[in-house]
C-alpha atoms as a PDB file:
ATOM      1  CA  UNK A   1       0.000   0.000   0.000  1.00  0.00           C
ATOM      2  CA  UNK A   2       1.330   3.424  -0.872  1.00  0.00           C
ATOM      3  CA  UNK A   3       0.541   6.614   0.974  1.00  0.00           C
ATOM      4  CA  UNK A   4       0.089   9.909  -0.865  1.00  0.00           C
ATOM      5  CA  UNK A   5       3.117  12.178  -0.496  1.00  0.00           C
ATOM      6  CA  UNK A   6       5.397   9.421   0.841  1.00  0.00           C
ATOM      7  CA  UNK A   7       8.480   8.063  -0.904  1.00  0.00           C
ATOM      8  CA  UNK A   8       9.922   4.772   0.340  1.00  0.00           C
ATOM      9  CA  UNK A   9      12.828   2.739  -0.946  1.00  0.00           C
ATOM     10  CA  UNK A  10      15.657   0.628   0.390  1.00  0.00           C
ATOM     11  CA  UNK A  11      19.187  -0.275  -0.600  1.00  0.00           C
ATOM     12  CA  UNK A  12      21.572  -3.029   0.441  1.00  0.00           C
ATOM     13  CA  UNK A  13      25.050  -1.684   1.225  1.00  0.00           C
ATOM     14  CA  UNK A  14      28.046  -3.962   1.685  1.00  0.00           C
ATOM     15  CA  UNK A  15      29.200  -2.160   4.820  1.00  0.00           C
ATOM     16  CA  UNK A  16      28.291  -2.709   8.477  1.00  0.00           C
ATOM     17  CA  UNK A  17      25.713  -0.383  10.076  1.00  0.00           C
ATOM     18  CA  UNK A  18      28.432   1.654  11.841  1.00  0.00           C
ATOM     19  CA  UNK A  19      29.991   2.556   8.491  1.00  0.00           C
ATOM     20  CA  UNK A  20      26.656   3.343   6.805  1.00  0.00           C
ATOM     21  CA  UNK A  21      25.809   5.513   9.818  1.00  0.00           C
ATOM     22  CA  UNK A  22      28.932   7.549   9.075  1.00  0.00           C
ATOM     23  CA  UNK A  23      27.689   8.206   5.525  1.00  0.00           C
ATOM     24  CA  UNK A  24      24.476   9.611   6.988  1.00  0.00           C
ATOM     25  CA  UNK A  25      25.993  11.659   9.808  1.00  0.00           C
ATOM     26  CA  UNK A  26      29.503  12.734   8.779  1.00  0.00           C
ATOM     27  CA  UNK A  27      29.244  16.008   6.807  1.00  0.00           C
ATOM     28  CA  UNK A  28      32.224  15.161   4.562  1.00  0.00           C
ATOM     29  CA  UNK A  29      30.845  11.738   3.591  1.00  0.00           C
ATOM     30  CA  UNK A  30      27.291  13.080   3.311  1.00  0.00           C
ATOM     31  CA  UNK A  31      28.463  15.652   0.764  1.00  0.00           C
ATOM     32  CA  UNK A  32      30.025  12.893  -1.360  1.00  0.00           C
ATOM     33  CA  UNK A  33      26.784  11.033  -1.964  1.00  0.00           C
ATOM     34  CA  UNK A  34      24.059  13.684  -1.569  1.00  0.00           C
ATOM     35  CA  UNK A  35      24.467  17.265  -0.339  1.00  0.00           C
ATOM     36  CA  UNK A  36      26.849  19.430   1.648  1.00  0.00           C
ATOM     37  CA  UNK A  37      25.660  20.433   5.089  1.00  0.00           C
ATOM     38  CA  UNK A  38      26.499  20.281   8.776  1.00  0.00           C
ATOM     39  CA  UNK A  39      24.407  17.188   9.530  1.00  0.00           C
ATOM     40  CA  UNK A  40      24.976  15.772  13.034  1.00  0.00           C
ATOM     41  CA  UNK A  41      23.147  12.999  14.912  1.00  0.00           C
ATOM     42  CA  UNK A  42      21.913  15.210  17.760  1.00  0.00           C
ATOM     43  CA  UNK A  43      18.183  15.705  18.360  1.00  0.00           C
ATOM     44  CA  UNK A  44      17.347  19.386  17.933  1.00  0.00           C
ATOM     45  CA  UNK A  45      20.442  20.126  15.801  1.00  0.00           C
ATOM     46  CA  UNK A  46      19.559  22.581  13.031  1.00  0.00           C
ATOM     47  CA  UNK A  47      21.482  22.586   9.770  1.00  0.00           C
ATOM     48  CA  UNK A  48      21.071  23.364   6.098  1.00  0.00           C
ATOM     49  CA  UNK A  49      21.669  21.164   3.082  1.00  0.00           C
ATOM     50  CA  UNK A  50      22.981  22.774  -0.095  1.00  0.00           C
ATOM     51  CA  UNK A  51      20.619  21.535  -2.796  1.00  0.00           C
ATOM     52  CA  UNK A  52      22.228  23.456  -5.659  1.00  0.00           C
ATOM     53  CA  UNK A  53      19.505  24.999  -7.843  1.00  0.00           C
ATOM     54  CA  UNK A  54      16.950  24.270  -5.086  1.00  0.00           C
ATOM     55  CA  UNK A  55      18.946  26.426  -2.646  1.00  0.00           C
ATOM     56  CA  UNK A  56      19.836  25.980   1.019  1.00  0.00           C
ATOM     57  CA  UNK A  57      17.235  23.776   2.677  1.00  0.00           C
ATOM     58  CA  UNK A  58      16.748  24.122   6.458  1.00  0.00           C
ATOM     59  CA  UNK A  59      16.592  20.910   8.472  1.00  0.00           C
ATOM     60  CA  UNK A  60      16.274  19.882  12.114  1.00  0.00           C
ATOM     61  CA  UNK A  61      17.128  16.484  13.611  1.00  0.00           C
ATOM     62  CA  UNK A  62      13.989  14.921  15.097  1.00  0.00           C
ATOM     63  CA  UNK A  63      15.099  11.426  16.184  1.00  0.00           C
ATOM     64  CA  UNK A  64      18.369   9.558  16.619  1.00  0.00           C
ATOM     65  CA  UNK A  65      19.142   5.950  17.485  1.00  0.00           C
ATOM     66  CA  UNK A  66      22.879   5.571  16.800  1.00  0.00           C
ATOM     67  CA  UNK A  67      23.577   3.174  13.936  1.00  0.00           C
ATOM     68  CA  UNK A  68      19.823   2.428  13.666  1.00  0.00           C
ATOM     69  CA  UNK A  69      17.721   5.510  12.891  1.00  0.00           C
ATOM     70  CA  UNK A  70      18.116   9.130  11.817  1.00  0.00           C
ATOM     71  CA  UNK A  71      15.113  11.357  11.137  1.00  0.00           C
ATOM     72  CA  UNK A  72      14.998  15.065  10.349  1.00  0.00           C
ATOM     73  CA  UNK A  73      12.677  17.703   9.030  1.00  0.00           C
ATOM     74  CA  UNK A  74      13.640  18.781   5.522  1.00  0.00           C
ATOM     75  CA  UNK A  75      12.973  22.005   3.615  1.00  0.00           C
ATOM     76  CA  UNK A  76      11.165  23.671   6.503  1.00  0.00           C
ATOM     77  CA  UNK A  77       9.092  26.567   5.236  1.00  0.00           C
ATOM     78  CA  UNK A  78       8.728  25.236   1.690  1.00  0.00           C
ATOM     79  CA  UNK A  79       8.250  21.473   1.381  1.00  0.00           C
ATOM     80  CA  UNK A  80       7.835  20.866   5.130  1.00  0.00           C
ATOM     81  CA  UNK A  81       8.493  17.136   5.065  1.00  0.00           C
ATOM     82  CA  UNK A  82      10.451  14.536   7.005  1.00  0.00           C
ATOM     83  CA  UNK A  83      13.313  12.284   5.934  1.00  0.00           C
ATOM     84  CA  UNK A  84      13.994   9.085   7.862  1.00  0.00           C
ATOM     85  CA  UNK A  85      16.801   6.572   7.433  1.00  0.00           C
ATOM     86  CA  UNK A  86      16.571   3.202   9.184  1.00  0.00           C
ATOM     87  CA  UNK A  87      19.498   0.772   9.210  1.00  0.00           C
ATOM     88  CA  UNK A  88      19.202  -2.988   9.694  1.00  0.00           C
ATOM     89  CA  UNK A  89      22.084  -5.463   9.644  1.00  0.00           C
ATOM     90  CA  UNK A  90      21.774  -7.911   6.759  1.00  0.00           C
ATOM     91  CA  UNK A  91      24.388 -10.617   6.301  1.00  0.00           C
ATOM     92  CA  UNK A  92      27.759  -8.893   6.130  1.00  0.00           C
ATOM     93  CA  UNK A  93      26.222  -5.541   5.230  1.00  0.00           C
ATOM     94  CA  UNK A  94      23.307  -3.236   5.950  1.00  0.00           C
ATOM     95  CA  UNK A  95      19.842  -2.752   4.521  1.00  0.00           C
ATOM     96  CA  UNK A  96      19.141   0.985   4.481  1.00  0.00           C
ATOM     97  CA  UNK A  97      15.443   1.870   4.508  1.00  0.00           C
ATOM     98  CA  UNK A  98      14.505   5.363   3.405  1.00  0.00           C
ATOM     99  CA  UNK A  99      11.286   7.321   3.812  1.00  0.00           C
ATOM    100  CA  UNK A 100      10.424  10.870   2.822  1.00  0.00           C
ATOM    101  CA  UNK A 101       6.989  11.726   4.175  1.00  0.00           C
ATOM    102  CA  UNK A 102       4.675  14.711   4.215  1.00  0.00           C
ATOM    103  CA  UNK A 103       5.063  16.024   0.679  1.00  0.00           C
ATOM    104  CA  UNK A 104       1.942  18.018  -0.206  1.00  0.00           C
ATOM    105  CA  UNK A 105       0.759  16.623  -3.530  1.00  0.00           C
ATOM    106  CA  UNK A 106      -1.858  19.385  -3.807  1.00  0.00           C
ATOM    107  CA  UNK A 107       0.835  22.062  -4.159  1.00  0.00           C
ATOM    108  CA  UNK A 108       2.806  22.416  -7.415  1.00  0.00           C
ATOM    109  CA  UNK A 109       6.119  22.486  -5.501  1.00  0.00           C
ATOM    110  CA  UNK A 110       5.207  19.408  -3.463  1.00  0.00           C
ATOM    111  CA  UNK A 111       4.055  17.499  -6.554  1.00  0.00           C
ATOM    112  CA  UNK A 112       7.246  18.406  -8.481  1.00  0.00           C
ATOM    113  CA  UNK A 113       9.428  17.395  -5.529  1.00  0.00           C
ATOM    114  CA  UNK A 114       7.561  14.110  -5.094  1.00  0.00           C
ATOM    115  CA  UNK A 115       7.876  13.187  -8.756  1.00  0.00           C
ATOM    116  CA  UNK A 116      11.562  14.134  -9.001  1.00  0.00           C
ATOM    117  CA  UNK A 117      12.632  12.653  -5.682  1.00  0.00           C
ATOM    118  CA  UNK A 118      10.704   9.412  -6.285  1.00  0.00           C
ATOM    119  CA  UNK A 119      12.935   8.842  -9.300  1.00  0.00           C
ATOM    120  CA  UNK A 120      16.064  10.250  -7.679  1.00  0.00           C
ATOM    121  CA  UNK A 121      16.301   8.552  -4.285  1.00  0.00           C
ATOM    122  CA  UNK A 122      17.135   5.011  -5.463  1.00  0.00           C
ATOM    123  CA  UNK A 123      20.169   6.331  -7.345  1.00  0.00           C
ATOM    124  CA  UNK A 124      21.221   8.550  -4.452  1.00  0.00           C
ATOM    125  CA  UNK A 125      21.145   5.635  -2.025  1.00  0.00           C
ATOM    126  CA  UNK A 126      23.286   3.553  -4.411  1.00  0.00           C
ATOM    127  CA  UNK A 127      25.888   6.363  -4.355  1.00  0.00           C
ATOM    128  CA  UNK A 128      26.523   5.699  -0.668  1.00  0.00           C
ATOM    129  CA  UNK A 129      28.428   2.539  -1.624  1.00  0.00           C
ATOM    130  CA  UNK A 130      30.994   4.447  -3.687  1.00  0.00           C
ATOM    131  CA  UNK A 131      31.230   7.266  -1.133  1.00  0.00           C
ATOM    132  CA  UNK A 132      32.163   4.695   1.526  1.00  0.00           C
ATOM    133  CA  UNK A 133      34.617   2.895  -0.749  1.00  0.00           C
ATOM    134  CA  UNK A 134      36.610   6.071  -1.447  1.00  0.00           C
END
């Protein structure tokens, strides 16, 4: 079952959860696979992500379970949605589950973001592998 305004996907990564966690929470690694920004796994931490043509997007960390879960608000004031990463050990690697929720499909900006990000997230998550290998 799909929910309106929610993007979900997952990716197997051949690294243990601790290493995948670094890709999500270390600003240098984060910039290699997605966007530059001062992301930190601290509830209440506010940061921006540089989304190029989409500008600086304000974010705030909402939930942290080290090496298991990271959730933050994304694009506060424009898209007003939430991004959540959940990590589960799988064999010798990690299954990374992704969810972006709260996109307003009734607004042109929300609809455009949903359509573009639905196509874009699977490729972005695959880029984590090469960012960690470097």
